[in-house]
Amino acid sequence: MRLRKSFFSSLPAVFVKESGVSLLEVMISLVIFSTLAAIFMGGLSTAYRIDLVSNEKYRMEALARSQIELLRASNYIDFSNPQHGDYDLLVSPEGFNIQLTVTSVDPATGQALPSGQDNGIQVITVTVSKNYSGSVNFQTYKVSK
């Protein structure tokens, strides 16, 4: 046993047996444990956000591919006809937006034709976006048969 002065009072020293854990050691271990727990929770939060973004990107790509399949199954629309219609769009899930951009091109040069002209080949860009999550673009060709 050792003689130690009391920390909280000015009373004379008491005999203290040194066994167990001091308050300082408990506080230090709590700080270390809390720091490790905060790092672990931050890692879980980051992994969760990455999973959400990855899932949204996958859904946007799947919608774009489905839209392209719908375009391939539809008839060619001649844009030189002033009464032409538009290609059908998929019904997009809530929060998603699908856009089509159709550009008629010259088969010989691959250059875009002026509006109102169509030589039987079109470049169609499918853009799928989600609010505040970016977008994906796919291009395909549609040829008059």
Protein backbone atom coordinates (compact mmCIF):
# COMPACT_ATOMS: atom_id res chain seq x y z
CA MET A 1 0.00 0.00 0.00
CA ARG A 2 1.01 3.51 -0.78
CA LEU A 3 0.20 6.77 0.84
CA ARG A 4 -1.63 9.12 -1.49
CA LYS A 5 -3.12 12.55 -0.90
CA SER A 6 -6.81 12.92 -1.58
CA PHE A 7 -7.55 14.60 -4.90
CA PHE A 8 -10.79 16.29 -3.92
CA SER A 9 -10.04 17.58 -0.48
CA SER A 10 -7.24 18.79 1.63
CA LEU A 11 -7.80 16.02 4.15
CA PRO A 12 -4.79 14.09 5.26
CA ALA A 13 -3.59 11.28 3.09
CA VAL A 14 -5.38 7.97 3.25
CA PHE A 15 -4.15 4.55 2.64
CA VAL A 16 -5.33 3.46 -0.82
CA LYS A 17 -4.95 0.04 -2.29
CA GLU A 18 -4.03 0.32 -6.03
CA SER A 19 -6.32 -2.16 -7.72
CA GLY A 20 -8.96 -1.58 -10.37
CA VAL A 21 -9.16 1.14 -13.01
CA SER A 22 -8.83 4.86 -12.42
CA LEU A 23 -11.31 7.39 -13.75
CA LEU A 24 -8.69 8.78 -16.12
CA GLU A 25 -8.11 5.36 -17.67
CA VAL A 26 -11.85 4.86 -18.15
CA MET A 27 -12.18 8.28 -19.78
CA ILE A 28 -9.27 7.65 -22.16
CA SER A 29 -10.68 4.26 -23.18
CA LEU A 30 -14.11 5.85 -23.76
CA VAL A 31 -12.56 8.52 -25.99
CA ILE A 32 -10.70 5.86 -28.00
CA PHE A 33 -13.81 3.69 -28.30
CA SER A 34 -15.98 6.69 -29.30
CA THR A 35 -13.46 7.73 -31.96
CA LEU A 36 -13.37 4.24 -33.45
CA ALA A 37 -17.18 4.03 -33.37
CA ALA A 38 -17.47 7.39 -35.15
CA ILE A 39 -15.02 6.26 -37.85
CA PHE A 40 -16.92 3.01 -38.30
CA MET A 41 -20.30 4.80 -38.55
CA GLY A 42 -18.85 7.26 -41.07
CA GLY A 43 -17.67 4.33 -43.18
CA LEU A 44 -21.11 2.71 -43.02
CA SER A 45 -22.76 5.98 -44.02
CA THR A 46 -20.42 6.38 -47.00
CA ALA A 47 -21.01 2.79 -48.11
CA TYR A 48 -24.77 3.31 -47.90
CA ARG A 49 -24.61 6.48 -50.04
CA ILE A 50 -22.41 4.73 -52.61
CA ASP A 51 -24.92 1.89 -52.78
CA LEU A 52 -27.80 4.33 -53.36
CA VAL A 53 -25.96 6.16 -56.14
CA SER A 54 -24.95 2.87 -57.76
CA ASN A 55 -28.52 1.60 -57.62
CA GLU A 56 -29.88 4.81 -59.19
CA LYS A 57 -27.29 4.68 -61.98
CA TYR A 58 -28.20 1.04 -62.65
CA ARG A 59 -31.90 1.96 -62.84
CA MET A 60 -31.15 4.85 -65.24
CA GLU A 61 -29.12 2.53 -67.50
CA ALA A 62 -31.88 -0.11 -67.44
CA LEU A 63 -34.48 2.52 -68.41
CA ALA A 64 -32.28 3.76 -71.27
CA ARG A 65 -31.80 0.20 -72.57
CA SER A 66 -35.55 -0.44 -72.35
CA GLN A 67 -36.22 2.77 -74.27
CA ILE A 68 -33.78 1.71 -76.98
CA GLU A 69 -35.53 -1.67 -77.27
CA LEU A 70 -38.84 0.17 -77.66
CA LEU A 71 -37.28 2.32 -80.42
CA ARG A 72 -35.98 -0.76 -82.25
CA ALA A 73 -39.45 -2.32 -82.19
CA SER A 74 -41.15 0.82 -83.52
CA ASN A 75 -41.52 1.92 -87.13
CA TYR A 76 -39.18 4.49 -88.67
CA ILE A 77 -40.58 8.04 -88.54
CA ASP A 78 -39.66 10.15 -91.57
CA PHE A 79 -38.80 13.62 -90.29
CA SER A 80 -38.98 15.15 -93.78
CA ASN A 81 -42.77 14.83 -93.53
CA PRO A 82 -44.10 17.97 -91.81
CA GLN A 83 -46.89 15.87 -90.22
CA HIS A 84 -44.48 13.37 -88.65
CA GLY A 85 -45.15 12.10 -85.16
CA ASP A 86 -42.71 11.30 -82.41
CA TYR A 87 -41.27 8.06 -81.14
CA ASP A 88 -43.02 6.57 -78.14
CA LEU A 89 -41.51 7.08 -74.71
CA LEU A 90 -41.63 4.65 -71.82
CA VAL A 91 -43.63 5.66 -68.80
CA SER A 92 -40.82 6.68 -66.49
CA PRO A 93 -40.92 5.90 -62.78
CA GLU A 94 -41.40 8.76 -60.35
CA GLY A 95 -38.35 11.01 -60.19
CA PHE A 96 -36.88 9.76 -63.50
CA ASN A 97 -37.03 11.66 -66.79
CA ILE A 98 -36.51 10.15 -70.27
CA GLN A 99 -35.70 12.36 -73.26
CA LEU A 100 -35.12 11.50 -76.91
CA THR A 101 -33.07 13.59 -79.30
CA VAL A 102 -33.49 12.56 -82.94
CA THR A 103 -31.00 13.84 -85.51
CA SER A 104 -31.27 12.94 -89.19
CA VAL A 105 -27.83 12.34 -90.71
CA ASP A 106 -26.44 12.08 -94.21
CA PRO A 107 -25.47 8.43 -94.79
CA ALA A 108 -22.50 9.41 -96.96
CA THR A 109 -20.87 11.91 -94.59
CA GLY A 110 -22.42 11.16 -91.21
CA GLN A 111 -23.09 14.87 -90.76
CA ALA A 112 -26.35 16.13 -89.28
CA LEU A 113 -28.95 17.28 -91.79
CA PRO A 114 -30.90 20.51 -91.45
CA SER A 115 -34.27 20.31 -89.74
CA GLY A 116 -36.98 19.00 -92.06
CA GLN A 117 -34.64 16.73 -94.07
CA ASP A 118 -34.36 12.98 -93.70
CA ASN A 119 -32.27 10.59 -95.82
CA GLY A 120 -33.29 7.39 -94.08
CA ILE A 121 -30.88 7.28 -91.15
CA GLN A 122 -31.23 8.86 -87.72
CA VAL A 123 -29.03 9.08 -84.66
CA ILE A 124 -31.21 8.85 -81.58
CA THR A 125 -29.83 9.86 -78.19
CA VAL A 126 -31.67 8.54 -75.15
CA THR A 127 -31.04 10.57 -71.99
CA VAL A 128 -32.33 9.31 -68.67
CA SER A 129 -31.94 11.56 -65.65
CA LYS A 130 -33.00 11.55 -62.04
CA ASN A 131 -33.50 14.61 -59.90
CA TYR A 132 -30.12 15.70 -58.52
CA SER A 133 -28.40 12.41 -59.45
CA GLY A 134 -26.97 13.09 -62.88
CA SER A 135 -27.90 11.36 -66.12
CA VAL A 136 -26.91 8.63 -68.56
CA ASN A 137 -26.84 8.91 -72.34
CA PHE A 138 -27.08 6.13 -74.91
CA GLN A 139 -27.03 6.52 -78.68
CA THR A 140 -28.50 4.26 -81.31
CA TYR A 141 -29.22 4.42 -85.02
CA LYS A 142 -32.58 4.02 -86.69
CA VAL A 143 -32.60 3.16 -90.38
CA SER A 144 -35.51 3.32 -92.81
CA LYS A 145 -36.15 -0.12 -94.32
